[in-house]
Amino acid sequence: MTRKSPLDDPVNAAHAWARYRQIMKWLLAATVLTVGIAMGLLFAYNGMISVHFYIAVALGISLTMLLGGALMGLVFLSNGTGHDESVDNHMPSRDELWSPNED
């Protein structure tokens, strides 16, 4: 039988999601700073190459950082709230899977 997740409680869920949003705000600020530094360095060393190059680099850095951070944040949210312990991950043993049924 599965146990109840701590995220089923609205108070715990509100606190956890507020913390997640706060982490994402900090990550967005770090992403903007990183993209700004990268754009500045690229322009300083290469000059104006093509606007498409700068757009591609900015989007690549932004999407990579934000997607990776969002997924890691969800992992930390799931583990930090105790949601992982409430999941029933009982796997059948090898004998239960491969032995013939005894009728």
N, C-alpha and C. Protein backbone atom coordinates (compact mmCIF):
# COMPACT_ATOMS: atom_id res chain seq x y z
N MET A 1 0.84 -1.18 0.00
CA MET A 1 0.00 0.00 0.00
C MET A 1 0.88 1.24 0.00
N THR A 2 0.50 2.20 -0.79
CA THR A 2 1.29 3.42 -0.87
C THR A 2 0.98 4.32 0.31
N ARG A 3 2.01 5.02 0.74
CA ARG A 3 1.84 5.98 1.83
C ARG A 3 1.43 7.32 1.24
N LYS A 4 0.86 8.16 2.08
CA LYS A 4 0.44 9.48 1.64
C LYS A 4 1.67 10.38 1.51
N SER A 5 1.72 11.12 0.44
CA SER A 5 2.84 12.02 0.19
C SER A 5 2.69 13.28 1.04
N PRO A 6 3.81 13.81 1.57
CA PRO A 6 3.72 15.08 2.28
C PRO A 6 3.24 16.23 1.39
N LEU A 7 3.39 16.09 0.07
CA LEU A 7 2.92 17.13 -0.84
C LEU A 7 1.40 17.12 -0.99
N ASP A 8 0.73 16.11 -0.44
CA ASP A 8 -0.74 16.10 -0.47
C ASP A 8 -1.32 17.12 0.51
N ASP A 9 -0.53 17.50 1.51
CA ASP A 9 -0.96 18.52 2.46
C ASP A 9 -0.78 19.89 1.81
N PRO A 10 -1.84 20.70 1.71
CA PRO A 10 -1.72 21.99 1.02
C PRO A 10 -0.71 22.94 1.63
N VAL A 11 -0.53 22.90 2.94
CA VAL A 11 0.44 23.79 3.58
C VAL A 11 1.86 23.40 3.20
N ASN A 12 2.16 22.10 3.27
CA ASN A 12 3.49 21.62 2.87
C ASN A 12 3.75 21.88 1.39
N ALA A 13 2.74 21.66 0.56
CA ALA A 13 2.90 21.86 -0.88
C ALA A 13 3.13 23.33 -1.19
N ALA A 14 2.40 24.22 -0.52
CA ALA A 14 2.58 25.66 -0.77
C ALA A 14 3.99 26.10 -0.38
N HIS A 15 4.47 25.60 0.76
CA HIS A 15 5.83 25.95 1.20
C HIS A 15 6.87 25.41 0.22
N ALA A 16 6.70 24.17 -0.21
CA ALA A 16 7.68 23.56 -1.12
C ALA A 16 7.71 24.28 -2.46
N TRP A 17 6.53 24.60 -3.01
CA TRP A 17 6.50 25.27 -4.30
C TRP A 17 6.99 26.71 -4.21
N ALA A 18 6.76 27.37 -3.07
CA ALA A 18 7.29 28.73 -2.88
C ALA A 18 8.82 28.69 -2.86
N ARG A 19 9.36 27.68 -2.20
CA ARG A 19 10.82 27.50 -2.17
C ARG A 19 11.36 27.21 -3.58
N TYR A 20 10.65 26.39 -4.31
CA TYR A 20 11.06 26.08 -5.69
C TYR A 20 11.06 27.33 -6.56
N ARG A 21 10.01 28.14 -6.44
CA ARG A 21 9.95 29.38 -7.23
C ARG A 21 11.07 30.34 -6.84
N GLN A 22 11.43 30.38 -5.55
CA GLN A 22 12.53 31.24 -5.11
C GLN A 22 13.85 30.76 -5.72
N ILE A 23 14.06 29.46 -5.74
CA ILE A 23 15.28 28.90 -6.35
C ILE A 23 15.31 29.24 -7.84
N MET A 24 14.16 29.14 -8.51
CA MET A 24 14.11 29.45 -9.94
C MET A 24 14.37 30.93 -10.21
N LYS A 25 13.94 31.81 -9.31
CA LYS A 25 14.24 33.23 -9.48
C LYS A 25 15.75 33.49 -9.39
N TRP A 26 16.40 32.83 -8.43
CA TRP A 26 17.86 32.98 -8.32
C TRP A 26 18.55 32.40 -9.54
N LEU A 27 18.04 31.29 -10.03
CA LEU A 27 18.63 30.67 -11.21
C LEU A 27 18.45 31.58 -12.44
N LEU A 28 17.30 32.22 -12.55
CA LEU A 28 17.08 33.14 -13.66
C LEU A 28 18.07 34.32 -13.59
N ALA A 29 18.29 34.83 -12.39
CA ALA A 29 19.25 35.92 -12.25
C ALA A 29 20.66 35.47 -12.62
N ALA A 30 21.04 34.26 -12.19
CA ALA A 30 22.36 33.73 -12.54
C ALA A 30 22.47 33.49 -14.04
N THR A 31 21.38 33.06 -14.66
CA THR A 31 21.38 32.83 -16.11
C THR A 31 21.55 34.13 -16.88
N VAL A 32 20.83 35.16 -16.47
CA VAL A 32 20.95 36.46 -17.14
C VAL A 32 22.38 36.99 -16.99
N LEU A 33 22.94 36.86 -15.81
CA LEU A 33 24.32 37.30 -15.59
C LEU A 33 25.30 36.51 -16.45
N THR A 34 25.13 35.20 -16.51
CA THR A 34 26.01 34.35 -17.32
C THR A 34 25.90 34.69 -18.81
N VAL A 35 24.69 34.88 -19.29
CA VAL A 35 24.50 35.23 -20.70
C VAL A 35 25.12 36.59 -21.00
N GLY A 36 24.95 37.53 -20.09
CA GLY A 36 25.55 38.85 -20.28
C GLY A 36 27.07 38.80 -20.35
N ILE A 37 27.67 38.03 -19.46
CA ILE A 37 29.13 37.87 -19.47
C ILE A 37 29.58 37.17 -20.74
N ALA A 38 28.87 36.12 -21.14
CA ALA A 38 29.24 35.39 -22.36
C ALA A 38 29.13 36.29 -23.59
N MET A 39 28.08 37.07 -23.67
CA MET A 39 27.91 37.96 -24.81
C MET A 39 29.01 39.02 -24.84
N GLY A 40 29.33 39.55 -23.67
CA GLY A 40 30.40 40.54 -23.59
C GLY A 40 31.75 39.98 -24.01
N LEU A 41 32.05 38.77 -23.54
CA LEU A 41 33.33 38.15 -23.91
C LEU A 41 33.38 37.80 -25.40
N LEU A 42 32.29 37.29 -25.92
CA LEU A 42 32.26 36.98 -27.36
C LEU A 42 32.45 38.24 -28.20
N PHE A 43 31.80 39.33 -27.80
CA PHE A 43 31.94 40.56 -28.57
C PHE A 43 33.35 41.14 -28.42
N ALA A 44 33.92 41.02 -27.21
CA ALA A 44 35.26 41.57 -26.99
C ALA A 44 36.32 40.83 -27.80
N TYR A 45 36.18 39.52 -27.91
CA TYR A 45 37.20 38.74 -28.62
C TYR A 45 36.94 38.62 -30.12
N ASN A 46 35.67 38.68 -30.55
CA ASN A 46 35.34 38.42 -31.95
C ASN A 46 34.71 39.60 -32.66
N GLY A 47 34.27 40.60 -31.96
CA GLY A 47 33.57 41.71 -32.59
C GLY A 47 32.16 41.29 -32.99
N MET A 48 31.57 42.08 -33.85
CA MET A 48 30.20 41.78 -34.30
C MET A 48 30.25 40.78 -35.44
N ILE A 49 29.99 39.51 -35.12
CA ILE A 49 30.03 38.45 -36.13
C ILE A 49 28.72 38.46 -36.91
N SER A 50 27.68 38.03 -36.26
CA SER A 50 26.34 37.99 -36.85
C SER A 50 25.35 38.03 -35.69
N VAL A 51 24.28 38.72 -35.88
CA VAL A 51 23.28 38.79 -34.82
C VAL A 51 22.68 37.41 -34.55
N HIS A 52 22.62 36.59 -35.58
CA HIS A 52 22.07 35.23 -35.42
C HIS A 52 22.96 34.38 -34.52
N PHE A 53 24.26 34.59 -34.61
CA PHE A 53 25.20 33.87 -33.75
C PHE A 53 24.96 34.22 -32.29
N TYR A 54 24.83 35.51 -32.02
CA TYR A 54 24.62 35.95 -30.64
C TYR A 54 23.27 35.48 -30.10
N ILE A 55 22.24 35.48 -30.94
CA ILE A 55 20.93 34.99 -30.51
C ILE A 55 21.01 33.50 -30.19
N ALA A 56 21.68 32.74 -31.05
CA ALA A 56 21.80 31.29 -30.83
C ALA A 56 22.58 30.98 -29.56
N VAL A 57 23.66 31.70 -29.33
CA VAL A 57 24.45 31.48 -28.12
C VAL A 57 23.63 31.83 -26.88
N ALA A 58 22.95 32.96 -26.91
CA ALA A 58 22.14 33.38 -25.77
C ALA A 58 21.02 32.38 -25.48
N LEU A 59 20.34 31.93 -26.53
CA LEU A 59 19.27 30.94 -26.33
C LEU A 59 19.83 29.60 -25.84
N GLY A 60 20.95 29.19 -26.40
CA GLY A 60 21.55 27.92 -25.98
C GLY A 60 21.95 27.93 -24.52
N ILE A 61 22.62 28.99 -24.09
CA ILE A 61 23.03 29.08 -22.69
C ILE A 61 21.81 29.17 -21.79
N SER A 62 20.86 30.02 -22.16
CA SER A 62 19.67 30.23 -21.33
C SER A 62 18.85 28.96 -21.17
N LEU A 63 18.53 28.32 -22.28
CA LEU A 63 17.69 27.13 -22.20
C LEU A 63 18.39 25.98 -21.48
N THR A 64 19.68 25.84 -21.69
CA THR A 64 20.42 24.79 -21.00
C THR A 64 20.43 25.01 -19.51
N MET A 65 20.76 26.22 -19.09
CA MET A 65 20.81 26.50 -17.65
C MET A 65 19.44 26.40 -17.00
N LEU A 66 18.42 26.97 -17.65
CA LEU A 66 17.09 26.96 -17.04
C LEU A 66 16.46 25.57 -17.01
N LEU A 67 16.63 24.80 -18.07
CA LEU A 67 16.07 23.45 -18.07
C LEU A 67 16.80 22.56 -17.07
N GLY A 68 18.11 22.61 -17.08
CA GLY A 68 18.87 21.81 -16.11
C GLY A 68 18.55 22.21 -14.68
N GLY A 69 18.45 23.51 -14.42
CA GLY A 69 18.12 23.97 -13.08
C GLY A 69 16.71 23.61 -12.66
N ALA A 70 15.77 23.69 -13.59
CA ALA A 70 14.38 23.34 -13.27
C ALA A 70 14.27 21.85 -12.93
N LEU A 71 14.92 21.02 -13.70
CA LEU A 71 14.86 19.57 -13.42
C LEU A 71 15.55 19.22 -12.11
N MET A 72 16.71 19.82 -11.86
CA MET A 72 17.39 19.56 -10.59
C MET A 72 16.57 20.10 -9.42
N GLY A 73 15.91 21.25 -9.62
CA GLY A 73 15.05 21.78 -8.57
C GLY A 73 13.89 20.85 -8.24
N LEU A 74 13.33 20.23 -9.27
CA LEU A 74 12.25 19.26 -9.02
C LEU A 74 12.75 18.03 -8.28
N VAL A 75 13.97 17.62 -8.58
CA VAL A 75 14.56 16.49 -7.85
C VAL A 75 14.75 16.85 -6.39
N PHE A 76 15.28 18.05 -6.13
CA PHE A 76 15.46 18.49 -4.74
C PHE A 76 14.13 18.68 -4.04
N LEU A 77 13.12 19.18 -4.74
CA LEU A 77 11.80 19.35 -4.15
C LEU A 77 11.21 18.00 -3.77
N SER A 78 11.32 17.04 -4.66
CA SER A 78 10.77 15.71 -4.41
C SER A 78 11.47 15.03 -3.24
N ASN A 79 12.78 15.15 -3.19
CA ASN A 79 13.54 14.51 -2.12
C ASN A 79 13.39 15.27 -0.81
N GLY A 80 13.42 16.59 -0.86
CA GLY A 80 13.39 17.40 0.36
C GLY A 80 12.06 17.36 1.08
N THR A 81 10.98 17.12 0.39
CA THR A 81 9.67 17.09 1.03
C THR A 81 9.29 15.70 1.53
N GLY A 82 10.05 14.69 1.19
CA GLY A 82 9.71 13.34 1.60
C GLY A 82 8.80 12.63 0.62
N HIS A 83 8.57 13.23 -0.53
CA HIS A 83 7.70 12.62 -1.53
C HIS A 83 8.31 11.32 -2.06
N ASP A 84 9.62 11.24 -2.15
CA ASP A 84 10.27 10.04 -2.67
C ASP A 84 10.01 8.82 -1.78
N GLU A 85 9.95 9.04 -0.47
CA GLU A 85 9.73 7.91 0.44
C GLU A 85 8.31 7.36 0.36
N SER A 86 7.37 8.18 -0.13
CA SER A 86 5.98 7.73 -0.19
C SER A 86 5.68 6.90 -1.43
N VAL A 87 6.62 6.81 -2.35
CA VAL A 87 6.41 6.06 -3.58
C VAL A 87 6.65 4.58 -3.32
N ASP A 88 5.73 3.75 -3.78
CA ASP A 88 5.89 2.30 -3.63
C ASP A 88 6.62 1.78 -4.86
N ASN A 89 7.88 1.43 -4.68
CA ASN A 89 8.67 0.94 -5.82
C ASN A 89 9.07 -0.51 -5.62
N HIS A 90 8.16 -1.29 -5.04
CA HIS A 90 8.43 -2.71 -4.85
C HIS A 90 8.46 -3.42 -6.20
N MET A 91 9.57 -4.00 -6.48
CA MET A 91 9.72 -4.76 -7.72
C MET A 91 9.57 -6.24 -7.40
N PRO A 92 8.94 -7.00 -8.28
CA PRO A 92 8.86 -8.44 -8.04
C PRO A 92 10.25 -9.06 -8.11
N SER A 93 10.44 -10.10 -7.32
CA SER A 93 11.74 -10.76 -7.33
C SER A 93 11.93 -11.52 -8.65
N ARG A 94 13.15 -11.94 -8.87
CA ARG A 94 13.47 -12.65 -10.11
C ARG A 94 12.65 -13.94 -10.24
N ASP A 95 12.45 -14.62 -9.12
CA ASP A 95 11.67 -15.85 -9.15
C ASP A 95 10.20 -15.58 -9.50
N GLU A 96 9.66 -14.47 -9.03
CA GLU A 96 8.27 -14.15 -9.34
C GLU A 96 8.09 -13.81 -10.81
N LEU A 97 9.14 -13.28 -11.43
CA LEU A 97 9.04 -12.91 -12.84
C LEU A 97 9.21 -14.10 -13.78
N TRP A 98 10.15 -14.98 -13.47
CA TRP A 98 10.55 -15.98 -14.45
C TRP A 98 10.12 -17.41 -14.12
N SER A 99 9.55 -17.62 -12.97
CA SER A 99 9.12 -18.99 -12.65
C SER A 99 7.75 -19.23 -13.25
N PRO A 100 7.48 -20.47 -13.68
CA PRO A 100 6.17 -20.78 -14.26
C PRO A 100 5.07 -20.70 -13.19
N ASN A 101 3.89 -20.34 -13.63
CA ASN A 101 2.75 -20.26 -12.71
C ASN A 101 2.37 -21.65 -12.26
N GLU A 102 2.11 -21.77 -10.97
CA GLU A 102 1.68 -23.06 -10.42
C GLU A 102 0.18 -22.98 -10.23
N ASP A 103 -0.55 -23.66 -11.07
CA ASP A 103 -2.02 -23.63 -10.98
C ASP A 103 -2.55 -24.72 -10.11
